[in-house]
Amino acid sequence: MDLYKIVWKNSARKELRKIKREVILKVLEAVESLVSNPFPAGVRKISGSDYTYRIRIGDYRIV
């Protein structure tokens, strides 16, 4: 099975520093799981875009 590569935008890294440590760990875990499964349960296509999807982790959206 092919693996994907995660590329962090600088703005995402900056935003990550602003949230609670417990939530950061959940977000990082979810993002790292996307390497092997880019379309997990609960993934949604963003309307108006052909190739952009999102997952929710609590109050946060990961695009």
C-alpha atoms as a PDB file:
ATOM      1  CA  MET A   1       0.000   0.000   0.000  1.00  0.00           C
ATOM      2  CA  ASP A   2       1.248   3.471  -0.841  1.00  0.00           C
ATOM      3  CA  LEU A   3       2.031   5.858   1.969  1.00  0.00           C
ATOM      4  CA  TYR A   4       1.411   9.568   1.858  1.00  0.00           C
ATOM      5  CA  LYS A   5       3.564  12.418   3.125  1.00  0.00           C
ATOM      6  CA  ILE A   6       2.346  15.033   5.590  1.00  0.00           C
ATOM      7  CA  VAL A   7       3.424  18.598   4.804  1.00  0.00           C
ATOM      8  CA  TRP A   8       2.853  21.178   7.543  1.00  0.00           C
ATOM      9  CA  LYS A   9       2.252  24.784   6.573  1.00  0.00           C
ATOM     10  CA  ASN A  10       4.000  27.332   8.783  1.00  0.00           C
ATOM     11  CA  SER A  11       0.616  28.848   9.648  1.00  0.00           C
ATOM     12  CA  ALA A  12      -0.601  25.441  10.881  1.00  0.00           C
ATOM     13  CA  ARG A  13       2.458  25.031  13.102  1.00  0.00           C
ATOM     14  CA  LYS A  14       1.867  28.486  14.535  1.00  0.00           C
ATOM     15  CA  GLU A  15      -1.812  27.733  15.244  1.00  0.00           C
ATOM     16  CA  LEU A  16      -0.908  24.401  16.855  1.00  0.00           C
ATOM     17  CA  ARG A  17       1.207  26.219  19.455  1.00  0.00           C
ATOM     18  CA  LYS A  18      -1.873  28.167  20.588  1.00  0.00           C
ATOM     19  CA  ILE A  19      -4.008  25.206  21.661  1.00  0.00           C
ATOM     20  CA  LYS A  20      -3.907  23.023  24.787  1.00  0.00           C
ATOM     21  CA  ARG A  21      -1.280  20.300  24.973  1.00  0.00           C
ATOM     22  CA  GLU A  22      -3.891  17.513  25.357  1.00  0.00           C
ATOM     23  CA  VAL A  23      -5.603  18.607  22.160  1.00  0.00           C
ATOM     24  CA  ILE A  24      -2.288  18.964  20.327  1.00  0.00           C
ATOM     25  CA  LEU A  25      -1.526  15.308  21.036  1.00  0.00           C
ATOM     26  CA  LYS A  26      -4.905  14.221  19.608  1.00  0.00           C
ATOM     27  CA  VAL A  27      -4.416  16.379  16.516  1.00  0.00           C
ATOM     28  CA  LEU A  28      -0.893  15.074  15.910  1.00  0.00           C
ATOM     29  CA  GLU A  29      -2.056  11.482  16.332  1.00  0.00           C
ATOM     30  CA  ALA A  30      -4.905  12.016  13.845  1.00  0.00           C
ATOM     31  CA  VAL A  31      -2.634  13.715  11.311  1.00  0.00           C
ATOM     32  CA  GLU A  32       0.007  10.985  11.540  1.00  0.00           C
ATOM     33  CA  SER A  33      -2.675   8.324  10.956  1.00  0.00           C
ATOM     34  CA  LEU A  34      -3.485  10.020   7.626  1.00  0.00           C
ATOM     35  CA  VAL A  35      -0.148   8.791   6.258  1.00  0.00           C
ATOM     36  CA  SER A  36      -1.491   5.250   5.987  1.00  0.00           C
ATOM     37  CA  ASN A  37      -5.216   6.022   5.667  1.00  0.00           C
ATOM     38  CA  PRO A  38      -5.940   9.423   4.067  1.00  0.00           C
ATOM     39  CA  PHE A  39      -9.714   8.845   4.088  1.00  0.00           C
ATOM     40  CA  PRO A  40     -10.607   7.653   7.611  1.00  0.00           C
ATOM     41  CA  ALA A  41     -14.146   7.302   8.936  1.00  0.00           C
ATOM     42  CA  GLY A  42     -15.725  10.735   9.261  1.00  0.00           C
ATOM     43  CA  VAL A  43     -13.784  12.383   6.441  1.00  0.00           C
ATOM     44  CA  ARG A  44     -15.824  14.994   4.548  1.00  0.00           C
ATOM     45  CA  LYS A  45     -15.258  16.669   1.184  1.00  0.00           C
ATOM     46  CA  ILE A  46     -15.122  20.443   1.417  1.00  0.00           C
ATOM     47  CA  SER A  47     -17.833  21.926  -0.793  1.00  0.00           C
ATOM     48  CA  GLY A  48     -16.626  23.979  -3.723  1.00  0.00           C
ATOM     49  CA  SER A  49     -13.350  22.079  -3.960  1.00  0.00           C
ATOM     50  CA  ASP A  50     -12.531  19.061  -6.092  1.00  0.00           C
ATOM     51  CA  TYR A  51      -9.659  17.637  -4.052  1.00  0.00           C
ATOM     52  CA  THR A  52      -9.902  19.052  -0.535  1.00  0.00           C
ATOM     53  CA  TYR A  53     -11.117  16.968   2.387  1.00  0.00           C
ATOM     54  CA  ARG A  54     -11.317  17.528   6.127  1.00  0.00           C
ATOM     55  CA  ILE A  55     -11.563  15.605   9.368  1.00  0.00           C
ATOM     56  CA  ARG A  56     -12.698  16.991  12.704  1.00  0.00           C
ATOM     57  CA  ILE A  57     -10.837  16.525  15.973  1.00  0.00           C
ATOM     58  CA  GLY A  58     -13.001  18.062  18.677  1.00  0.00           C
ATOM     59  CA  ASP A  59     -13.450  21.726  17.794  1.00  0.00           C
ATOM     60  CA  TYR A  60     -10.659  21.653  15.197  1.00  0.00           C
ATOM     61  CA  ARG A  61     -10.744  20.966  11.477  1.00  0.00           C
ATOM     62  CA  ILE A  62      -7.806  19.300   9.757  1.00  0.00           C
ATOM     63  CA  VAL A  63      -7.652  19.979   6.021  1.00  0.00           C
END
